[in-house]
Amino acid sequence: MLTEATVEKMFRNLMSDPNANAETFEKAEELLDDELRPESPLRHRLSVELDELRDISEAKS
């Protein structure tokens, strides 16, 4: 299991891609599911952020 700081850094790197697509969002979701405990506040915060970014991406398409 990675540290929360490492997971957040990896998440930020994935989401900083201007060409983020469904595969990018899937990778980010898997990262959160695989590396953070279900009760983790960071997991909750990044999951909400991921949902918002996914909605924005879909609205642009």
C-alpha atoms as a PDB file:
ATOM      1  CA  MET A   1       0.000   0.000   0.000  1.00  0.00           C
ATOM      2  CA  LEU A   2       1.317   3.423  -0.943  1.00  0.00           C
ATOM      3  CA  THR A   3       1.334   6.435   1.352  1.00  0.00           C
ATOM      4  CA  GLU A   4      -1.496   8.930   1.041  1.00  0.00           C
ATOM      5  CA  ALA A   5       0.964  11.560  -0.176  1.00  0.00           C
ATOM      6  CA  THR A   6       2.141   9.251  -2.963  1.00  0.00           C
ATOM      7  CA  VAL A   7      -1.424   8.386  -3.964  1.00  0.00           C
ATOM      8  CA  GLU A   8      -2.384  12.051  -4.078  1.00  0.00           C
ATOM      9  CA  LYS A   9       0.674  12.881  -6.200  1.00  0.00           C
ATOM     10  CA  MET A  10      -0.123  10.067  -8.631  1.00  0.00           C
ATOM     11  CA  PHE A  11      -3.764  11.182  -8.778  1.00  0.00           C
ATOM     12  CA  ARG A  12      -2.730  14.790  -9.501  1.00  0.00           C
ATOM     13  CA  ASN A  13      -0.386  13.607 -12.264  1.00  0.00           C
ATOM     14  CA  LEU A  14      -3.182  11.627 -13.896  1.00  0.00           C
ATOM     15  CA  MET A  15      -5.659  14.490 -13.657  1.00  0.00           C
ATOM     16  CA  SER A  16      -3.218  17.109 -14.948  1.00  0.00           C
ATOM     17  CA  ASP A  17      -3.320  15.527 -18.418  1.00  0.00           C
ATOM     18  CA  PRO A  18      -5.260  17.956 -20.643  1.00  0.00           C
ATOM     19  CA  ASN A  19      -6.334  14.996 -22.803  1.00  0.00           C
ATOM     20  CA  ALA A  20      -7.869  13.027 -19.933  1.00  0.00           C
ATOM     21  CA  ASN A  21     -10.356  10.463 -21.183  1.00  0.00           C
ATOM     22  CA  ALA A  22     -12.445   7.623 -19.785  1.00  0.00           C
ATOM     23  CA  GLU A  23      -9.336   5.449 -19.444  1.00  0.00           C
ATOM     24  CA  THR A  24      -7.595   8.147 -17.385  1.00  0.00           C
ATOM     25  CA  PHE A  25     -10.579   8.416 -15.067  1.00  0.00           C
ATOM     26  CA  GLU A  26     -10.687   4.621 -14.735  1.00  0.00           C
ATOM     27  CA  LYS A  27      -6.989   4.515 -13.790  1.00  0.00           C
ATOM     28  CA  ALA A  28      -7.544   7.219 -11.172  1.00  0.00           C
ATOM     29  CA  GLU A  29     -10.517   5.358  -9.726  1.00  0.00           C
ATOM     30  CA  GLU A  30      -8.538   2.108  -9.552  1.00  0.00           C
ATOM     31  CA  LEU A  31      -5.691   3.934  -7.821  1.00  0.00           C
ATOM     32  CA  LEU A  32      -8.049   5.204  -5.121  1.00  0.00           C
ATOM     33  CA  ASP A  33      -9.763   1.821  -4.720  1.00  0.00           C
ATOM     34  CA  ASP A  34      -6.539  -0.175  -4.594  1.00  0.00           C
ATOM     35  CA  GLU A  35      -4.349   2.069  -2.470  1.00  0.00           C
ATOM     36  CA  LEU A  36      -6.597   3.863   0.031  1.00  0.00           C
ATOM     37  CA  ARG A  37      -8.723   2.429   2.814  1.00  0.00           C
ATOM     38  CA  PRO A  38     -12.493   2.798   2.277  1.00  0.00           C
ATOM     39  CA  GLU A  39     -12.769   5.049   5.356  1.00  0.00           C
ATOM     40  CA  SER A  40      -9.912   7.326   4.283  1.00  0.00           C
ATOM     41  CA  PRO A  41     -10.867  11.037   4.159  1.00  0.00           C
ATOM     42  CA  LEU A  42      -8.420  11.467   1.273  1.00  0.00           C
ATOM     43  CA  ARG A  43     -10.176   8.721  -0.674  1.00  0.00           C
ATOM     44  CA  HIS A  44     -13.513  10.437  -0.150  1.00  0.00           C
ATOM     45  CA  ARG A  45     -12.154  13.859  -1.164  1.00  0.00           C
ATOM     46  CA  LEU A  46     -10.413  12.578  -4.293  1.00  0.00           C
ATOM     47  CA  SER A  47     -13.431  10.470  -5.272  1.00  0.00           C
ATOM     48  CA  VAL A  48     -15.659  13.549  -5.148  1.00  0.00           C
ATOM     49  CA  GLU A  49     -13.091  15.489  -7.161  1.00  0.00           C
ATOM     50  CA  LEU A  50     -12.868  12.656  -9.687  1.00  0.00           C
ATOM     51  CA  ASP A  51     -16.654  12.640 -10.118  1.00  0.00           C
ATOM     52  CA  GLU A  52     -16.649  16.401 -10.695  1.00  0.00           C
ATOM     53  CA  LEU A  53     -13.820  16.190 -13.244  1.00  0.00           C
ATOM     54  CA  ARG A  54     -15.585  13.339 -15.016  1.00  0.00           C
ATOM     55  CA  ASP A  55     -18.795  15.414 -15.214  1.00  0.00           C
ATOM     56  CA  ILE A  56     -16.875  18.399 -16.598  1.00  0.00           C
ATOM     57  CA  SER A  57     -15.181  16.212 -19.188  1.00  0.00           C
ATOM     58  CA  GLU A  58     -18.487  14.719 -20.302  1.00  0.00           C
ATOM     59  CA  ALA A  59     -20.066  18.183 -20.553  1.00  0.00           C
ATOM     60  CA  LYS A  60     -17.271  19.291 -22.894  1.00  0.00           C
ATOM     61  CA  SER A  61     -17.798  16.297 -25.191  1.00  0.00           C
END
